[in-house]
């Protein structure tokens, strides 16, 4: 595993994002230290265009990587790279996972059971109350709440999770040394104590408008599903919903008054096929999370085995009978049945009747480099 300072170095280079980092990883057999010190011709052969190469050479000549890592550490921030075991598994599954996450607080294994709760900054009283009840109820059921620390629905969701004694993760569209909006500094401090703040952006990155749409893929990517509580027709929360759909994750929307602008986006989502979120139960049942505490215990004490991995290759959102699974895998029906029972206990699959099974959620797309 490469020293994280080289991952940080590439993350500071304008024009080198997830795709180009993936190309470098492939070209240098996963060794970013070698890539960082490579000569220009080798870097061109690895897929860097003229602009990215020029930026890399300039950054390399002026950046003190050790000093940058000390600056990060002095602020109580840790660096979690794509190859690190603490990198969120759900986020690693998306098409373009951020190569580097700056983390303040803790990312825990239990955060794999997470739901995003997002919405408009200009929230109504109805929207805030809906967000409070949904986020608080999910938190009380053991789910981590992911949101964007923005005004309105996001802030309400974070606070409700904290008040319920749950965990929450705030995903920022700026460096972690900048809290935006500034009035959420106290909330940010509370989140660090009971969850974490994360960002893919280096220290000093201002909260510019162009940073937030890419940030939204992290919110949805860390979550089993995304709940849009209240959103106008042009709300940024709809971008999060679009990213969730592209990632194969569930999208929920809270119905609203058809005469209010703040509900135009959520009502349109429902019209387009999003699951109406009328209660916490709707979300838990759709995501197969009604027994989340038991699922967490089961995964902790019963590690994934080779047979589970094999069965996952034959399961999808389309129901398949155990006999057909046995035929395709060549495994005895008794073994297939017993392993599927354990997988259901872990929340990995669901039985939909007649000994037919589906994945509990659609699996994400593998990390692609081209």
Protein backbone atom coordinates (compact mmCIF):
# COMPACT_ATOMS: atom_id res chain seq x y z
CA UNK A 1 0.00 0.00 0.00
CA UNK A 2 1.52 3.30 -1.13
CA UNK A 3 2.27 6.10 1.28
CA UNK A 4 -0.92 8.23 1.38
CA UNK A 5 1.14 11.38 0.76
CA UNK A 6 1.45 10.44 -2.92
CA UNK A 7 -2.31 10.06 -3.18
CA UNK A 8 -2.64 13.51 -1.60
CA UNK A 9 -0.08 14.85 -4.04
CA UNK A 10 -1.99 13.70 -7.09
CA UNK A 11 -5.23 14.95 -5.52
CA UNK A 12 -3.70 18.43 -5.46
CA UNK A 13 -2.96 18.39 -9.18
CA UNK A 14 -5.54 20.22 -11.30
CA UNK A 15 -6.78 17.97 -14.09
CA UNK A 16 -6.08 14.65 -12.36
CA UNK A 17 -9.30 13.18 -11.00
CA UNK A 18 -10.66 9.67 -10.41
CA UNK A 19 -10.33 8.50 -14.04
CA UNK A 20 -6.74 9.66 -14.57
CA UNK A 21 -5.75 8.38 -11.13
CA UNK A 22 -7.18 5.01 -12.17
CA UNK A 23 -5.05 5.05 -15.32
CA UNK A 24 -1.94 5.82 -13.28
CA UNK A 25 -2.74 3.01 -10.86
CA UNK A 26 -3.03 0.59 -13.76
CA UNK A 27 0.08 1.83 -15.54
CA UNK A 28 2.23 1.70 -12.41
CA UNK A 29 0.78 -1.50 -10.92
CA UNK A 30 -0.90 0.39 -8.09
CA UNK A 31 2.30 2.20 -7.06
CA UNK A 32 1.57 5.94 -6.95
CA UNK A 33 4.94 6.63 -5.36
CA UNK A 34 6.63 5.48 -8.56
CA UNK A 35 4.09 7.41 -10.62
CA UNK A 36 4.79 10.59 -8.65
CA UNK A 37 8.51 10.38 -9.41
CA UNK A 38 8.22 9.15 -13.01
CA UNK A 39 9.72 11.05 -15.93
CA UNK A 40 7.44 13.04 -18.28
CA UNK A 41 7.65 10.52 -21.15
CA UNK A 42 6.57 7.66 -18.91
CA UNK A 43 3.70 9.74 -17.54
CA UNK A 44 2.55 10.60 -21.06
CA UNK A 45 2.58 6.91 -21.90
CA UNK A 46 0.47 6.31 -18.80
CA UNK A 47 -2.30 8.46 -20.23
CA UNK A 48 -1.69 11.99 -18.93
CA UNK A 49 -2.52 14.70 -21.43
CA UNK A 50 -0.37 17.79 -21.86
CA UNK A 51 -2.37 19.95 -19.44
CA UNK A 52 -2.46 17.40 -16.63
CA UNK A 53 1.22 16.57 -17.12
CA UNK A 54 2.21 20.24 -16.98
CA UNK A 55 0.20 20.74 -13.80
CA UNK A 56 1.76 17.65 -12.23
CA UNK A 57 5.31 18.76 -13.01
CA UNK A 58 4.60 22.22 -11.58
CA UNK A 59 3.00 20.82 -8.42
CA UNK A 60 5.77 18.29 -7.98
CA UNK A 61 8.40 21.01 -8.13
CA UNK A 62 6.78 23.24 -5.53
CA UNK A 63 4.88 20.96 -3.13
CA UNK A 64 6.43 19.58 0.03
CA UNK A 65 4.40 16.40 0.53
CA UNK A 66 5.62 15.81 4.07
CA UNK A 67 4.70 19.34 5.10
CA UNK A 68 1.25 18.92 3.53
CA UNK A 69 0.67 15.73 5.50
CA UNK A 70 1.75 17.47 8.71
CA UNK A 71 -0.68 20.30 7.99
CA UNK A 72 -3.51 17.80 7.51
CA UNK A 73 -2.63 15.92 10.69
CA UNK A 74 -2.37 19.12 12.75
CA UNK A 75 -6.04 19.81 12.00
CA UNK A 76 -7.08 16.38 13.28
CA UNK A 77 -7.78 15.13 9.76
CA UNK A 78 -6.91 11.70 8.46
CA UNK A 79 -6.45 10.64 4.85
CA UNK A 80 -8.29 7.53 3.64
CA UNK A 81 -7.28 6.41 0.16
CA UNK A 82 -9.11 4.14 -2.26
CA UNK A 83 -6.79 1.25 -1.39
CA UNK A 84 -7.16 1.70 2.39
CA UNK A 85 -9.26 -0.92 4.23
CA UNK A 86 -11.24 1.84 5.99
CA UNK A 87 -12.46 3.28 2.67
CA UNK A 88 -16.29 2.99 2.63
CA UNK A 89 -17.23 -0.17 0.76
CA UNK A 90 -20.41 1.23 -0.79
CA UNK A 91 -18.54 4.27 -2.10
CA UNK A 92 -15.81 2.09 -3.59
CA UNK A 93 -18.49 0.37 -5.71
CA UNK A 94 -19.49 3.46 -7.71
CA UNK A 95 -18.13 4.30 -11.15
CA UNK A 96 -15.98 7.25 -10.05
CA UNK A 97 -15.09 6.93 -6.35
CA UNK A 98 -12.88 9.75 -5.07
CA UNK A 99 -9.29 8.48 -4.82
CA UNK A 100 -8.79 10.40 -1.57
CA UNK A 101 -11.11 11.17 1.33
CA UNK A 102 -10.15 13.69 3.98
CA UNK A 103 -11.87 12.59 7.18
CA UNK A 104 -12.42 14.41 10.46
CA UNK A 105 -13.99 12.12 13.03
CA UNK A 106 -14.41 8.39 12.50
CA UNK A 107 -15.65 6.15 9.71
CA UNK A 108 -16.90 2.91 11.25
CA UNK A 109 -17.91 -0.44 9.79
CA UNK A 110 -21.48 0.21 10.91
CA UNK A 111 -21.64 3.20 8.54
CA UNK A 112 -22.19 0.69 5.76
CA UNK A 113 -25.82 0.83 6.92
CA UNK A 114 -26.40 4.41 5.82
CA UNK A 115 -29.19 6.41 4.21
CA UNK A 116 -28.82 9.87 2.69
CA UNK A 117 -31.40 12.48 3.68
CA UNK A 118 -31.21 15.60 1.53
CA UNK A 119 -33.33 18.49 0.34
CA UNK A 120 -33.68 22.17 -0.34
CA UNK A 121 -31.89 24.91 1.56
CA UNK A 122 -35.13 26.94 1.56
CA UNK A 123 -37.04 24.38 3.60
CA UNK A 124 -40.58 24.91 4.80
CA UNK A 125 -41.82 24.02 8.29
CA UNK A 126 -43.39 20.89 6.78
CA UNK A 127 -40.12 19.89 5.14
CA UNK A 128 -38.07 20.36 8.29
CA UNK A 129 -40.51 18.34 10.36
CA UNK A 130 -40.55 15.54 7.78
CA UNK A 131 -36.73 15.52 7.71
CA UNK A 132 -36.59 15.49 11.50
CA UNK A 133 -38.94 12.53 11.81
CA UNK A 134 -37.35 10.52 8.99
CA UNK A 135 -33.71 11.11 9.94
CA UNK A 136 -34.40 10.66 13.64
CA UNK A 137 -36.41 7.50 13.07
CA UNK A 138 -33.76 5.97 10.81
CA UNK A 139 -31.05 6.84 13.33
CA UNK A 140 -33.00 5.17 16.13
CA UNK A 141 -33.12 2.06 13.96
CA UNK A 142 -29.32 1.96 13.75
CA UNK A 143 -28.76 3.71 10.44
CA UNK A 144 -26.11 6.34 9.80
CA UNK A 145 -27.51 9.51 8.23
CA UNK A 146 -25.49 11.03 5.38
CA UNK A 147 -26.11 14.58 4.18
CA UNK A 148 -24.34 17.69 2.95
CA UNK A 149 -24.25 20.06 5.98
CA UNK A 150 -26.16 22.63 3.93
CA UNK A 151 -28.83 24.95 5.28
CA UNK A 152 -32.40 23.67 5.45
CA UNK A 153 -33.14 19.97 5.11
CA UNK A 154 -29.51 18.80 5.37
CA UNK A 155 -28.88 20.56 8.68
CA UNK A 156 -32.18 19.35 10.07
CA UNK A 157 -31.34 15.75 9.14
CA UNK A 158 -27.92 15.94 10.81
CA UNK A 159 -29.37 17.45 14.00
CA UNK A 160 -32.19 14.90 14.18
CA UNK A 161 -29.71 12.05 13.90
CA UNK A 162 -27.54 13.50 16.66
CA UNK A 163 -30.54 14.08 18.92
CA UNK A 164 -31.59 10.47 18.39
CA UNK A 165 -28.16 9.30 19.55
CA UNK A 166 -27.23 8.08 16.08
CA UNK A 167 -24.30 8.56 13.78
CA UNK A 168 -24.19 11.07 10.96
CA UNK A 169 -21.75 11.96 8.18
CA UNK A 170 -21.47 15.40 6.61
CA UNK A 171 -20.02 15.53 3.09
CA UNK A 172 -18.54 18.94 2.28
CA UNK A 173 -18.04 20.68 -1.04
CA UNK A 174 -14.91 22.43 0.21
CA UNK A 175 -11.77 21.68 2.21
CA UNK A 176 -12.31 20.43 5.76
CA UNK A 177 -10.55 23.51 7.11
CA UNK A 178 -13.51 25.57 5.86
CA UNK A 179 -16.98 25.03 7.31
CA UNK A 180 -19.74 26.12 4.96
CA UNK A 181 -22.18 27.60 5.69
CA UNK A 182 -20.31 29.29 8.58
CA UNK A 183 -23.35 29.23 10.88
CA UNK A 184 -23.02 25.42 10.95
CA UNK A 185 -19.66 25.42 12.74
CA UNK A 186 -21.18 24.22 16.00
CA UNK A 187 -23.15 21.53 14.19
CA UNK A 188 -19.97 20.44 12.41
CA UNK A 189 -18.21 20.05 15.75
CA UNK A 190 -21.05 17.89 17.05
CA UNK A 191 -20.95 15.73 13.92
CA UNK A 192 -17.22 15.07 14.39
CA UNK A 193 -17.94 13.81 17.91
CA UNK A 194 -20.73 11.50 16.75
CA UNK A 195 -19.74 10.64 13.21
CA UNK A 196 -17.50 12.35 10.70
CA UNK A 197 -17.02 15.15 8.21
CA UNK A 198 -15.54 14.10 4.89
CA UNK A 199 -14.43 15.76 1.67
CA UNK A 200 -12.58 14.82 -1.47
CA UNK A 201 -11.26 18.38 -1.76
CA UNK A 202 -7.81 19.43 -0.47
CA UNK A 203 -7.40 21.86 2.40
CA UNK A 204 -8.05 25.43 1.40
CA UNK A 205 -10.57 24.58 -1.34
CA UNK A 206 -13.33 27.22 -1.18
CA UNK A 207 -17.04 26.27 -1.37
CA UNK A 208 -17.45 27.15 -5.03
CA UNK A 209 -20.64 26.25 -6.85
CA UNK A 210 -18.95 23.77 -9.17
CA UNK A 211 -17.80 21.63 -6.24
CA UNK A 212 -21.26 20.60 -5.07
CA UNK A 213 -22.59 18.44 -7.94
CA UNK A 214 -19.51 16.12 -7.75
CA UNK A 215 -19.85 16.14 -3.96
CA UNK A 216 -23.38 14.78 -4.30
CA UNK A 217 -22.17 11.50 -5.81
CA UNK A 218 -20.36 10.83 -2.53
CA UNK A 219 -23.52 11.44 -0.49
CA UNK A 220 -25.49 8.95 -2.57
CA UNK A 221 -22.51 6.63 -3.05
CA UNK A 222 -22.04 6.12 0.69
CA UNK A 223 -25.72 5.27 1.12
CA UNK A 224 -28.00 2.31 0.51
CA UNK A 225 -30.69 4.77 -0.52
CA UNK A 226 -31.34 8.50 -0.84
CA UNK A 227 -34.38 10.24 0.64
CA UNK A 228 -35.26 13.59 -0.92
CA UNK A 229 -37.46 15.36 1.61
CA UNK A 230 -38.21 18.65 -0.10
CA UNK A 231 -36.81 20.03 -3.35
CA UNK A 232 -37.77 22.56 -5.96
CA UNK A 233 -37.62 21.75 -9.65
CA UNK A 234 -33.98 22.93 -9.86
CA UNK A 235 -32.76 21.84 -6.44
CA UNK A 236 -29.29 20.35 -6.03
CA UNK A 237 -30.92 17.51 -4.10
CA UNK A 238 -32.28 16.24 -7.43
CA UNK A 239 -28.67 15.83 -8.61
CA UNK A 240 -28.08 13.57 -5.62
CA UNK A 241 -31.16 11.56 -6.60
CA UNK A 242 -29.88 11.26 -10.19
CA UNK A 243 -26.50 10.07 -8.93
CA UNK A 244 -28.19 7.51 -6.68
CA UNK A 245 -30.15 6.11 -9.63
CA UNK A 246 -26.99 5.93 -11.76
CA UNK A 247 -25.29 4.05 -8.92
CA UNK A 248 -28.10 1.51 -8.71
CA UNK A 249 -29.29 2.77 -5.33
CA UNK A 250 -32.87 3.29 -4.17
CA UNK A 251 -34.44 6.76 -4.34
CA UNK A 252 -37.24 7.89 -2.03
CA UNK A 253 -39.20 11.14 -2.08
CA UNK A 254 -41.49 12.70 0.48
CA UNK A 255 -44.74 13.83 -1.19
CA UNK A 256 -45.60 17.49 -0.79
CA UNK A 257 -48.18 20.15 -1.49
CA UNK A 258 -48.69 20.35 -5.25
CA UNK A 259 -48.99 24.14 -4.99
CA UNK A 260 -45.61 24.67 -3.26
CA UNK A 261 -42.43 25.21 -5.24
CA UNK A 262 -40.46 23.34 -2.59
CA UNK A 263 -42.38 20.16 -3.44
CA UNK A 264 -42.20 20.32 -7.23
CA UNK A 265 -39.00 18.29 -7.39
CA UNK A 266 -40.03 15.59 -4.94
CA UNK A 267 -43.46 15.14 -6.51
CA UNK A 268 -41.81 14.85 -9.93
CA UNK A 269 -39.47 12.16 -8.58
CA UNK A 270 -42.48 10.14 -7.42
CA UNK A 271 -44.14 10.65 -10.78
CA UNK A 272 -40.97 9.29 -12.42
CA UNK A 273 -40.88 6.18 -10.24
CA UNK A 274 -39.21 7.10 -6.94
CA UNK A 275 -40.58 5.29 -3.90
CA UNK A 276 -42.90 7.54 -1.85
CA UNK A 277 -41.52 7.93 1.68
CA UNK A 278 -44.62 8.18 3.86
CA UNK A 279 -42.93 6.78 6.95
CA UNK A 280 -39.65 5.42 8.27
CA UNK A 281 -41.10 1.95 7.86
CA UNK A 282 -41.45 2.48 4.09
CA UNK A 283 -37.72 3.11 3.85
CA UNK A 284 -36.66 0.26 6.14
CA UNK A 285 -38.85 -2.30 4.38
CA UNK A 286 -37.83 -1.26 0.87
CA UNK A 287 -34.15 -1.47 1.79
CA UNK A 288 -34.66 -4.73 3.69
CA UNK A 289 -33.44 -3.05 6.89
CA UNK A 290 -36.28 -3.94 9.24
CA UNK A 291 -33.87 -6.18 11.17
CA UNK A 292 -30.75 -4.06 10.90
CA UNK A 293 -29.36 -4.81 14.37
CA UNK A 294 -29.58 -8.55 13.71
CA UNK A 295 -27.97 -8.06 10.30
CA UNK A 296 -25.08 -6.13 11.84
CA UNK A 297 -24.50 -8.85 14.42
CA UNK A 298 -24.73 -11.58 11.78
CA UNK A 299 -22.16 -9.92 9.52
CA UNK A 300 -19.84 -9.36 12.47
CA UNK A 301 -19.84 -12.96 13.70
CA UNK A 302 -20.31 -14.79 10.36
CA UNK A 303 -17.70 -13.60 7.84
CA UNK A 304 -18.41 -13.70 4.11
CA UNK A 305 -17.25 -16.95 2.52
CA UNK A 306 -16.43 -18.18 -0.96
CA UNK A 307 -19.88 -19.71 -1.49
CA UNK A 308 -21.61 -16.39 -0.71
CA UNK A 309 -19.40 -14.61 -3.24
CA UNK A 310 -20.20 -17.29 -5.80
CA UNK A 311 -23.95 -17.04 -5.27
CA UNK A 312 -23.84 -13.25 -5.59
CA UNK A 313 -22.67 -13.70 -9.20
CA UNK A 314 -25.99 -15.39 -10.02
CA UNK A 315 -28.31 -13.06 -8.11
CA UNK A 316 -29.81 -9.80 -9.31
CA UNK A 317 -33.00 -7.77 -9.01
CA UNK A 318 -34.78 -10.50 -11.01
CA UNK A 319 -36.14 -13.37 -8.86
CA UNK A 320 -34.40 -16.70 -9.34
CA UNK A 321 -35.43 -20.07 -7.87
CA UNK A 322 -33.02 -22.02 -5.64
CA UNK A 323 -33.18 -24.98 -8.07
CA UNK A 324 -31.97 -22.77 -10.91
CA UNK A 325 -29.20 -21.34 -8.72
CA UNK A 326 -28.13 -24.89 -7.90
CA UNK A 327 -28.06 -25.84 -11.59
CA UNK A 328 -26.06 -22.75 -12.58
CA UNK A 329 -23.54 -23.01 -9.74
CA UNK A 330 -23.27 -26.78 -9.61
CA UNK A 331 -23.73 -26.67 -5.83
CA UNK A 332 -26.00 -29.03 -3.87
CA UNK A 333 -29.46 -27.57 -3.20
CA UNK A 334 -29.01 -28.12 0.53
CA UNK A 335 -25.88 -25.98 0.53
CA UNK A 336 -27.48 -23.28 -1.63
CA UNK A 337 -30.50 -23.10 0.68
CA UNK A 338 -28.48 -22.91 3.88
CA UNK A 339 -26.11 -20.23 2.55
CA UNK A 340 -29.01 -18.16 1.19
CA UNK A 341 -30.64 -18.32 4.63
CA UNK A 342 -27.49 -16.87 6.20
CA UNK A 343 -27.26 -14.23 3.47
CA UNK A 344 -30.85 -13.22 4.15
CA UNK A 345 -30.06 -12.92 7.85
CA UNK A 346 -27.17 -10.62 6.93
CA UNK A 347 -29.45 -8.48 4.76
CA UNK A 348 -27.65 -9.41 1.54
CA UNK A 349 -30.58 -11.11 -0.22
CA UNK A 350 -34.36 -11.30 0.07
CA UNK A 351 -36.75 -14.19 -0.49
CA UNK A 352 -39.69 -12.96 -2.56
CA UNK A 353 -41.82 -16.09 -2.29
CA UNK A 354 -41.74 -19.62 -3.68
CA UNK A 355 -38.05 -20.10 -2.80
CA UNK A 356 -37.08 -17.36 -5.23
CA UNK A 357 -34.41 -14.86 -4.23
CA UNK A 358 -33.24 -11.40 -5.27
CA UNK A 359 -30.39 -9.16 -4.17
CA UNK A 360 -31.39 -6.95 -1.26
CA UNK A 361 -30.11 -4.04 -3.35
CA UNK A 362 -28.67 -3.71 -6.82
CA UNK A 363 -24.89 -4.01 -6.68
CA UNK A 364 -22.85 -0.98 -7.67
CA UNK A 365 -20.63 -0.74 -10.75
CA UNK A 366 -17.02 -1.78 -10.40
CA UNK A 367 -14.41 0.96 -10.37
CA UNK A 368 -13.62 1.75 -14.01
CA UNK A 369 -10.48 3.47 -15.20
CA UNK A 370 -11.39 4.34 -18.78
